[in-house]
N, C-alpha and C. Protein backbone atom coordinates (compact mmCIF):
# COMPACT_ATOMS: atom_id res chain seq x y z
N UNK A 1 31.84 20.36 -12.07
CA UNK A 1 31.37 21.01 -11.28
C UNK A 1 30.76 22.14 -10.68
N UNK A 2 29.46 21.47 -10.00
CA UNK A 2 29.12 22.38 -9.71
C UNK A 2 29.03 23.42 -8.87
N UNK A 3 28.31 24.52 -9.20
CA UNK A 3 27.92 25.69 -8.47
C UNK A 3 27.57 25.47 -6.64
N UNK A 4 28.02 25.65 -5.96
CA UNK A 4 28.17 26.53 -4.07
C UNK A 4 26.80 27.31 -3.98
N UNK A 5 25.36 27.00 -4.11
CA UNK A 5 24.13 26.97 -3.11
C UNK A 5 24.39 27.82 -2.68
N UNK A 6 23.81 29.33 -2.18
CA UNK A 6 24.03 30.04 -1.44
C UNK A 6 22.34 30.58 -0.73
N UNK A 7 22.65 30.07 1.10
CA UNK A 7 20.28 30.33 1.31
C UNK A 7 21.04 31.02 2.11
N UNK A 8 20.14 32.18 1.97
CA UNK A 8 20.19 33.41 3.24
C UNK A 8 18.86 33.31 3.80
N UNK A 9 18.45 33.20 5.21
CA UNK A 9 17.24 32.78 6.08
C UNK A 9 17.24 33.54 6.84
N UNK A 10 15.93 34.19 7.40
CA UNK A 10 15.52 34.53 8.36
C UNK A 10 14.20 35.23 8.82
N UNK A 11 14.11 34.80 10.74
CA UNK A 11 12.26 34.92 10.60
C UNK A 11 11.79 36.68 11.02
N UNK A 12 10.32 35.87 11.13
CA UNK A 12 10.30 38.09 11.71
C UNK A 12 8.63 37.07 12.25
N UNK A 13 8.39 37.74 13.83
CA UNK A 13 7.12 38.07 14.18
C UNK A 13 7.19 39.44 15.17
N UNK A 14 5.26 39.89 14.58
CA UNK A 14 4.48 40.67 15.49
C UNK A 14 5.00 40.55 16.48
N UNK A 15 5.54 41.47 16.98
CA UNK A 15 4.24 40.73 18.52
C UNK A 15 4.93 38.71 18.94
N UNK A 16 5.61 38.99 19.59
CA UNK A 16 5.91 37.62 20.99
C UNK A 16 5.95 37.16 21.81
N UNK A 17 4.67 36.02 21.10
CA UNK A 17 3.43 35.49 20.02
C UNK A 17 3.61 36.46 19.72
N UNK A 18 2.92 36.41 19.12
CA UNK A 18 1.98 37.40 17.31
C UNK A 18 2.54 36.72 15.86
N UNK A 19 1.40 37.78 15.27
CA UNK A 19 1.72 37.17 13.70
C UNK A 19 3.64 36.94 12.93
N UNK A 20 4.07 36.08 12.82
CA UNK A 20 5.13 35.38 12.13
C UNK A 20 5.20 35.29 10.78
N UNK A 21 6.33 35.62 9.93
CA UNK A 21 6.85 34.98 8.95
C UNK A 21 8.02 35.10 8.65
N UNK A 22 8.28 34.14 7.91
CA UNK A 22 10.02 33.89 7.31
C UNK A 22 10.24 33.92 6.05
N UNK A 23 11.09 34.37 5.84
CA UNK A 23 11.67 34.34 4.51
C UNK A 23 13.03 33.64 4.42
N UNK A 24 13.21 33.80 2.99
CA UNK A 24 14.86 33.12 2.61
C UNK A 24 14.82 33.20 1.26
N UNK A 25 16.36 33.80 0.97
CA UNK A 25 16.81 34.41 -0.74
C UNK A 25 17.60 32.72 -1.03
N UNK A 26 18.00 32.54 -2.10
CA UNK A 26 18.72 31.33 -2.98
C UNK A 26 18.51 31.59 -3.68
N UNK A 27 20.44 31.85 -3.89
CA UNK A 27 21.72 32.50 -5.11
C UNK A 27 22.62 30.97 -5.31
N UNK A 28 23.33 31.52 -6.26
CA UNK A 28 24.34 31.09 -6.97
C UNK A 28 25.02 31.82 -7.11
N UNK A 29 26.69 31.25 -7.56
CA UNK A 29 27.00 32.54 -7.95
C UNK A 29 26.48 34.84 -7.44
N UNK A 30 26.29 35.10 -8.89
CA UNK A 30 24.99 35.93 -8.44
C UNK A 30 24.58 36.29 -8.45
N UNK A 31 23.58 34.65 -8.74
CA UNK A 31 21.98 35.17 -9.47
C UNK A 31 21.16 34.88 -8.09
N UNK A 32 19.98 35.20 -7.98
CA UNK A 32 19.00 34.70 -7.21
C UNK A 32 17.89 33.85 -8.22
N UNK A 33 18.30 32.56 -7.24
CA UNK A 33 17.62 31.98 -7.82
C UNK A 33 16.03 31.48 -7.92
N UNK A 34 15.73 32.14 -6.72
CA UNK A 34 14.82 31.71 -6.01
C UNK A 34 14.88 32.84 -4.81
N UNK A 35 12.93 32.95 -4.28
CA UNK A 35 12.80 33.45 -2.86
C UNK A 35 11.72 32.59 -2.48
N UNK A 36 11.50 32.73 -1.54
CA UNK A 36 10.10 31.84 -0.62
C UNK A 36 10.06 32.78 0.89
N UNK A 37 8.93 32.40 0.93
CA UNK A 37 8.36 32.51 2.73
C UNK A 37 7.28 32.71 2.96
N UNK A 38 6.46 32.32 4.11
CA UNK A 38 5.37 31.13 4.67
C UNK A 38 5.24 32.89 6.28
N UNK A 39 4.07 32.51 6.41
CA UNK A 39 3.73 32.55 7.32
C UNK A 39 3.04 32.10 8.38
N UNK A 40 2.55 32.14 9.94
CA UNK A 40 1.80 31.88 11.15
C UNK A 40 0.98 32.73 11.87
N UNK A 41 -0.13 32.16 12.45
CA UNK A 41 -0.83 32.91 12.83
C UNK A 41 -0.83 33.36 13.34
N UNK A 42 -0.12 32.72 15.10
CA UNK A 42 0.94 32.41 16.35
C UNK A 42 1.91 32.23 16.60
N UNK A 43 2.46 33.00 16.67
CA UNK A 43 4.29 31.88 16.55
C UNK A 43 5.06 33.64 17.30
N UNK A 44 5.90 32.61 17.30
CA UNK A 44 7.45 33.27 17.97
C UNK A 44 8.62 33.94 16.45
N UNK A 45 9.01 34.51 17.30
CA UNK A 45 10.31 34.76 16.60
C UNK A 45 10.73 33.73 15.94
N UNK A 46 11.88 33.02 17.54
CA UNK A 46 12.92 31.74 17.09
C UNK A 46 11.83 30.28 16.16
N UNK A 47 10.45 30.73 16.33
CA UNK A 47 10.51 28.94 15.27
C UNK A 47 9.84 30.12 13.88
N UNK A 48 9.91 31.10 13.11
CA UNK A 48 10.10 31.45 12.85
C UNK A 48 11.32 31.44 12.05
N UNK A 49 12.24 31.45 12.46
CA UNK A 49 13.86 31.86 11.86
C UNK A 49 14.63 29.93 11.90
N UNK A 50 13.52 29.76 12.43
CA UNK A 50 13.98 27.74 12.27
C UNK A 50 13.38 27.53 10.97
N UNK A 51 11.06 27.60 10.84
CA UNK A 51 10.85 27.42 9.30
C UNK A 51 11.29 27.67 8.80
N UNK A 52 12.77 29.21 8.53
CA UNK A 52 13.61 29.92 7.24
C UNK A 52 13.66 28.64 7.16
N UNK A 53 14.80 27.87 8.48
CA UNK A 53 16.03 26.72 7.67
C UNK A 53 14.88 25.43 7.21
N UNK A 54 14.42 25.28 8.16
CA UNK A 54 13.48 24.25 7.50
C UNK A 54 13.08 24.43 6.43
N UNK A 55 12.18 25.22 5.36
CA UNK A 55 11.76 25.82 4.10
C UNK A 55 13.37 24.97 3.47
N UNK A 56 14.33 26.42 4.09
CA UNK A 56 15.51 26.18 3.37
C UNK A 56 16.20 24.87 2.58
N UNK A 57 16.03 23.97 3.80
CA UNK A 57 16.64 22.54 3.50
C UNK A 57 15.76 21.39 3.06
N UNK A 58 14.57 21.51 2.86
CA UNK A 58 13.26 21.31 2.01
C UNK A 58 13.39 21.36 0.54
N UNK A 59 13.50 22.68 0.40
CA UNK A 59 14.19 22.88 -0.74
C UNK A 59 15.40 22.52 -2.06
N UNK A 60 16.47 23.06 -1.13
CA UNK A 60 17.31 22.43 -1.82
C UNK A 60 17.01 20.77 -1.43
N UNK A 61 16.71 20.06 -0.65
CA UNK A 61 16.24 18.48 -1.36
C UNK A 61 16.04 18.02 -2.32
N UNK A 62 14.40 19.24 -1.80
CA UNK A 62 13.52 19.03 -3.97
C UNK A 62 14.79 19.41 -5.01
N UNK A 63 15.80 20.81 -5.60
CA UNK A 63 15.99 21.17 -6.44
C UNK A 63 17.80 20.77 -6.03
N UNK A 64 18.47 20.61 -5.15
CA UNK A 64 19.58 20.00 -5.26
C UNK A 64 20.14 19.25 -3.93
N UNK A 65 20.20 17.94 -5.27
CA UNK A 65 20.26 16.27 -3.50
C UNK A 65 20.83 16.95 -2.70
N UNK A 66 22.41 16.50 -3.58
CA UNK A 66 23.47 16.65 -3.43
C UNK A 66 24.74 17.71 -3.99
N UNK A 67 24.35 19.63 -3.62
CA UNK A 67 24.96 19.35 -3.97
C UNK A 67 25.67 20.16 -2.84
N UNK A 68 26.94 21.35 -3.18
CA UNK A 68 27.17 22.16 -2.01
C UNK A 68 26.30 22.86 -1.38
N UNK A 69 25.84 23.32 -0.38
CA UNK A 69 25.11 24.37 0.19
C UNK A 69 25.22 25.26 1.54
N UNK A 70 25.18 26.38 1.60
CA UNK A 70 25.28 27.32 2.59
C UNK A 70 24.55 27.60 2.86
N UNK A 71 24.09 27.36 3.99
CA UNK A 71 22.87 28.35 5.17
C UNK A 71 23.58 29.26 5.41
N UNK A 72 22.97 30.64 5.41
CA UNK A 72 23.22 31.49 6.19
C UNK A 72 22.19 32.56 7.26
N UNK A 73 22.74 32.17 8.53
CA UNK A 73 21.50 32.77 9.19
C UNK A 73 22.00 33.78 10.21
N UNK A 74 21.23 34.63 10.79
CA UNK A 74 21.48 36.07 11.32
C UNK A 74 21.41 35.71 12.83
N UNK A 75 21.13 34.39 13.12
CA UNK A 75 20.02 34.05 14.30
C UNK A 75 20.39 32.94 15.64
N UNK A 76 21.69 33.65 15.79
CA UNK A 76 22.94 32.86 16.41
C UNK A 76 21.95 31.65 17.37
N UNK A 77 20.51 31.76 17.78
CA UNK A 77 19.96 29.96 18.06
C UNK A 77 19.59 29.01 17.55
N UNK A 78 19.90 29.78 16.01
CA UNK A 78 19.10 28.90 15.11
C UNK A 78 20.13 28.24 14.60
N UNK A 79 21.85 28.97 14.71
CA UNK A 79 22.90 28.57 14.59
C UNK A 79 24.22 27.57 15.46
N UNK A 80 23.28 28.04 16.77
CA UNK A 80 23.44 27.07 17.90
C UNK A 80 22.87 26.28 18.11
N UNK A 81 21.91 25.51 17.69
CA UNK A 81 21.29 24.32 18.36
C UNK A 81 21.73 23.48 17.42
N UNK A 82 21.78 23.78 16.50
CA UNK A 82 21.69 22.59 14.82
C UNK A 82 23.57 22.72 14.72
N UNK A 83 24.13 23.14 14.89
CA UNK A 83 25.71 23.34 15.17
C UNK A 83 26.05 22.53 15.93
N UNK A 84 25.66 22.66 17.14
CA UNK A 84 25.94 22.69 19.11
C UNK A 84 25.18 21.68 20.18
N UNK A 85 24.16 22.63 20.47
CA UNK A 85 23.79 22.39 21.55
C UNK A 85 23.01 20.86 20.92
N UNK A 86 21.98 20.87 19.49
CA UNK A 86 21.40 19.43 18.94
C UNK A 86 21.61 18.66 19.92
N UNK A 87 23.20 18.25 19.77
CA UNK A 87 23.73 16.63 20.26
C UNK A 87 23.25 16.37 21.87
N UNK A 88 23.40 17.65 22.38
CA UNK A 88 23.21 17.48 24.05
C UNK A 88 21.93 17.14 23.91
N UNK A 89 21.42 18.08 24.03
CA UNK A 89 19.60 17.72 23.95
C UNK A 89 18.74 17.09 23.14
N UNK A 90 19.31 15.62 22.68
CA UNK A 90 19.22 14.53 21.92
C UNK A 90 19.66 13.28 22.90
N UNK A 91 20.66 13.77 23.44
CA UNK A 91 21.74 13.00 24.74
C UNK A 91 20.57 12.82 25.11
N UNK A 92 20.13 13.95 25.78
CA UNK A 92 20.24 14.26 27.37
C UNK A 92 18.44 14.12 27.12
N UNK A 93 17.25 13.46 26.02
CA UNK A 93 16.38 13.36 25.77
C UNK A 93 15.18 14.42 25.75
N UNK A 94 15.70 15.43 25.51
CA UNK A 94 15.71 16.78 24.72
C UNK A 94 14.99 17.60 26.12
N UNK A 95 16.36 17.44 26.47
CA UNK A 95 16.68 18.75 27.98
C UNK A 95 17.98 19.67 27.78
N UNK A 96 17.63 20.07 28.04
CA UNK A 96 19.26 21.94 28.26
C UNK A 96 19.41 21.46 29.12
N UNK A 97 20.99 22.05 29.63
CA UNK A 97 21.52 21.34 30.34
C UNK A 97 21.32 21.77 31.82
N UNK A 98 20.23 23.08 31.67
CA UNK A 98 19.31 23.87 33.24
C UNK A 98 18.32 22.39 33.53
N UNK A 99 18.21 21.19 32.90
CA UNK A 99 16.68 19.80 32.83
C UNK A 99 15.86 20.59 32.52
N UNK A 100 15.62 21.66 31.24
CA UNK A 100 14.18 21.90 31.18
C UNK A 100 14.26 21.31 29.85
N UNK A 101 12.89 21.55 30.43
CA UNK A 101 12.50 20.97 28.31
C UNK A 101 12.77 22.00 27.05
N UNK A 102 12.52 21.02 25.88
CA UNK A 102 13.42 22.01 24.77
C UNK A 102 12.60 22.30 23.70
N UNK A 103 12.51 24.65 24.14
CA UNK A 103 11.19 24.63 23.66
C UNK A 103 11.91 24.69 21.57
N UNK A 104 10.71 24.39 21.28
CA UNK A 104 10.59 24.16 20.16
C UNK A 104 10.98 22.56 19.60
N UNK A 105 10.89 22.03 20.29
CA UNK A 105 11.36 20.35 19.75
C UNK A 105 10.67 20.37 18.36
N UNK A 106 9.84 20.31 18.42
CA UNK A 106 8.87 19.91 17.47
C UNK A 106 10.12 20.29 16.43
N UNK A 107 9.70 21.13 16.16
CA UNK A 107 10.48 22.00 14.79
C UNK A 107 12.03 21.22 15.20
N UNK A 108 13.27 21.04 16.22
CA UNK A 108 14.25 20.72 15.95
C UNK A 108 14.03 19.52 15.29
N UNK A 109 13.52 18.74 15.89
CA UNK A 109 13.18 17.14 15.76
C UNK A 109 13.40 17.42 14.28
N UNK A 110 12.67 18.08 13.74
CA UNK A 110 12.50 17.69 12.47
C UNK A 110 13.46 18.63 11.51
N UNK A 111 14.18 19.98 11.01
CA UNK A 111 15.24 20.31 11.11
C UNK A 111 16.44 19.05 11.08
N UNK A 112 16.73 18.23 12.24
CA UNK A 112 18.06 17.22 12.38
C UNK A 112 17.23 16.28 11.42
N UNK A 113 16.39 16.21 11.07
CA UNK A 113 16.35 14.82 10.34
C UNK A 113 16.06 15.22 8.66
N UNK A 114 15.78 16.77 8.74
CA UNK A 114 16.42 16.60 7.19
C UNK A 114 17.45 17.11 6.59
N UNK A 115 18.40 17.83 7.93
CA UNK A 115 20.53 17.49 7.48
C UNK A 115 20.38 16.61 7.86
N UNK A 116 19.83 16.04 8.03
CA UNK A 116 20.53 13.90 7.90
C UNK A 116 20.25 13.63 7.24
N UNK A 117 18.68 13.47 5.92
CA UNK A 117 18.84 12.94 5.22
C UNK A 117 19.70 13.49 3.78
N UNK A 118 20.30 15.09 3.58
CA UNK A 118 20.36 16.00 2.53
C UNK A 118 22.29 15.05 2.61
N UNK A 119 22.05 14.86 1.67
CA UNK A 119 22.60 14.17 0.55
C UNK A 119 24.63 14.55 -0.02
N UNK A 120 24.15 16.02 0.19
CA UNK A 120 25.73 16.94 0.21
C UNK A 120 25.87 17.06 1.07
N UNK A 121 26.74 18.84 0.59
CA UNK A 121 27.40 18.98 1.77
C UNK A 121 27.01 20.28 2.40
N UNK A 122 26.47 19.98 3.78
CA UNK A 122 25.30 21.80 4.33
C UNK A 122 26.90 21.98 5.29
N UNK A 123 27.11 23.45 5.17
CA UNK A 123 28.00 24.42 5.55
C UNK A 123 26.79 25.59 6.74
N UNK A 124 27.73 25.64 7.30
CA UNK A 124 26.34 26.63 8.06
C UNK A 124 26.94 28.30 8.08
N UNK A 125 26.61 29.94 7.47
CA UNK A 125 27.72 30.96 7.93
C UNK A 125 26.74 31.74 8.81
N UNK A 126 27.05 32.35 9.85
CA UNK A 126 26.25 33.66 10.23
C UNK A 126 27.30 34.68 9.25
N UNK A 127 26.06 35.02 9.59
CA UNK A 127 25.27 36.46 9.08
C UNK A 127 25.09 37.72 9.35
N UNK A 128 25.97 38.67 9.93
CA UNK A 128 25.96 39.40 10.37
C UNK A 128 23.85 40.44 10.80
N UNK A 129 23.44 40.83 11.68
CA UNK A 129 21.77 40.94 10.95
C UNK A 129 22.07 42.10 10.54
N UNK A 130 20.58 42.82 9.72
CA UNK A 130 20.38 44.50 9.86
C UNK A 130 21.86 44.88 9.46
N UNK A 131 22.62 45.19 9.14
CA UNK A 131 23.78 45.44 8.30
C UNK A 131 23.77 45.12 6.88
N UNK A 132 23.13 45.22 6.32
CA UNK A 132 22.98 46.23 5.00
C UNK A 132 23.81 44.54 3.53
N UNK A 133 23.30 43.52 4.04
CA UNK A 133 24.00 42.47 3.00
C UNK A 133 22.95 42.92 2.31
N UNK A 134 22.72 42.37 1.28
CA UNK A 134 21.80 42.33 0.33
C UNK A 134 20.81 41.39 0.17
N UNK A 135 21.30 40.21 0.53
CA UNK A 135 20.31 38.86 0.47
C UNK A 135 20.30 38.65 1.93
N UNK A 136 20.58 38.89 2.92
CA UNK A 136 20.27 38.86 4.63
C UNK A 136 18.79 39.79 4.07
N UNK A 137 19.45 40.83 3.88
CA UNK A 137 18.26 42.28 4.29
C UNK A 137 17.15 41.97 2.83
N UNK A 138 17.15 41.32 1.96
CA UNK A 138 16.28 40.11 1.39
C UNK A 138 14.79 39.02 1.89
N UNK A 139 15.26 38.12 1.93
CA UNK A 139 14.81 37.46 3.38
C UNK A 139 14.41 39.15 4.36
N UNK A 140 15.20 39.21 5.11
CA UNK A 140 14.24 39.79 6.21
C UNK A 140 13.21 40.09 5.99
N UNK A 141 13.20 41.23 4.70
CA UNK A 141 12.05 42.16 4.06
C UNK A 141 10.86 40.93 3.95
N UNK A 142 11.72 39.96 3.44
CA UNK A 142 10.61 38.70 2.59
C UNK A 142 9.14 38.01 4.27
N UNK A 143 10.42 38.08 4.97
CA UNK A 143 9.66 37.44 6.17
C UNK A 143 9.68 38.74 6.83
N UNK A 144 8.82 39.97 6.95
CA UNK A 144 8.32 40.69 7.51
C UNK A 144 7.16 41.17 6.87
N UNK A 145 7.20 40.89 5.54
CA UNK A 145 5.96 41.01 4.69
C UNK A 145 5.31 39.97 5.23
N UNK A 146 5.26 38.20 4.90
CA UNK A 146 4.25 38.06 5.40
C UNK A 146 4.01 38.06 6.46
N UNK A 147 5.29 38.19 7.75
CA UNK A 147 4.23 38.43 9.40
C UNK A 147 2.71 39.25 8.81
N UNK A 148 3.36 40.48 8.31
CA UNK A 148 2.72 41.91 8.25
C UNK A 148 0.94 41.27 7.50
N UNK A 149 1.26 40.76 6.51
CA UNK A 149 0.62 40.36 5.11
C UNK A 149 -0.06 39.46 5.13
N UNK A 150 0.19 37.90 6.28
CA UNK A 150 0.03 37.31 6.58
C UNK A 150 -0.81 35.70 5.46
N UNK A 151 0.55 36.41 4.58
CA UNK A 151 0.03 35.63 3.32
C UNK A 151 1.34 34.30 2.51
N UNK A 152 1.60 33.55 1.83
CA UNK A 152 2.92 32.92 1.20
C UNK A 152 3.50 34.23 0.69
N UNK A 153 4.84 33.94 0.05
CA UNK A 153 5.43 34.37 -0.97
C UNK A 153 6.26 33.57 -1.93
N UNK A 154 6.28 33.47 -2.85
CA UNK A 154 7.01 32.47 -4.04
C UNK A 154 7.22 33.29 -5.30
N UNK A 155 8.55 33.37 -5.64
CA UNK A 155 9.10 34.15 -6.62
C UNK A 155 10.96 33.02 -7.26
């Protein structure tokens, strides 16, 4: 039986829009496997939250093709979108319940395509942000540093 992979994700934006960054921490049991982060020069916090999750799924597809994965996020926007809202957005031609265009449609479409290609079991968990959870705090630190320094991070 393979171990469950858990990934903690976060996004950051210095200004909204402004310089942005995303971070993620990949764990298995008590071991940290990988830390990754990236940046964009002019973006929003929600885009960076989405980029952290997109990057997480790309990582698991490349490295854990068919395992059990739990993605932890503190973003209600990401979790609500990926588990609930996206179904109606697709059905309604990428329009919200208010008939407005879905913001960040390009990233939502990339995210849902990745989710659908993953062969394993993928679960989503809400984690309270800035509440002392070590892996969530680390993902936040990576995202904030990538925003500030405008450089990628890999460990």
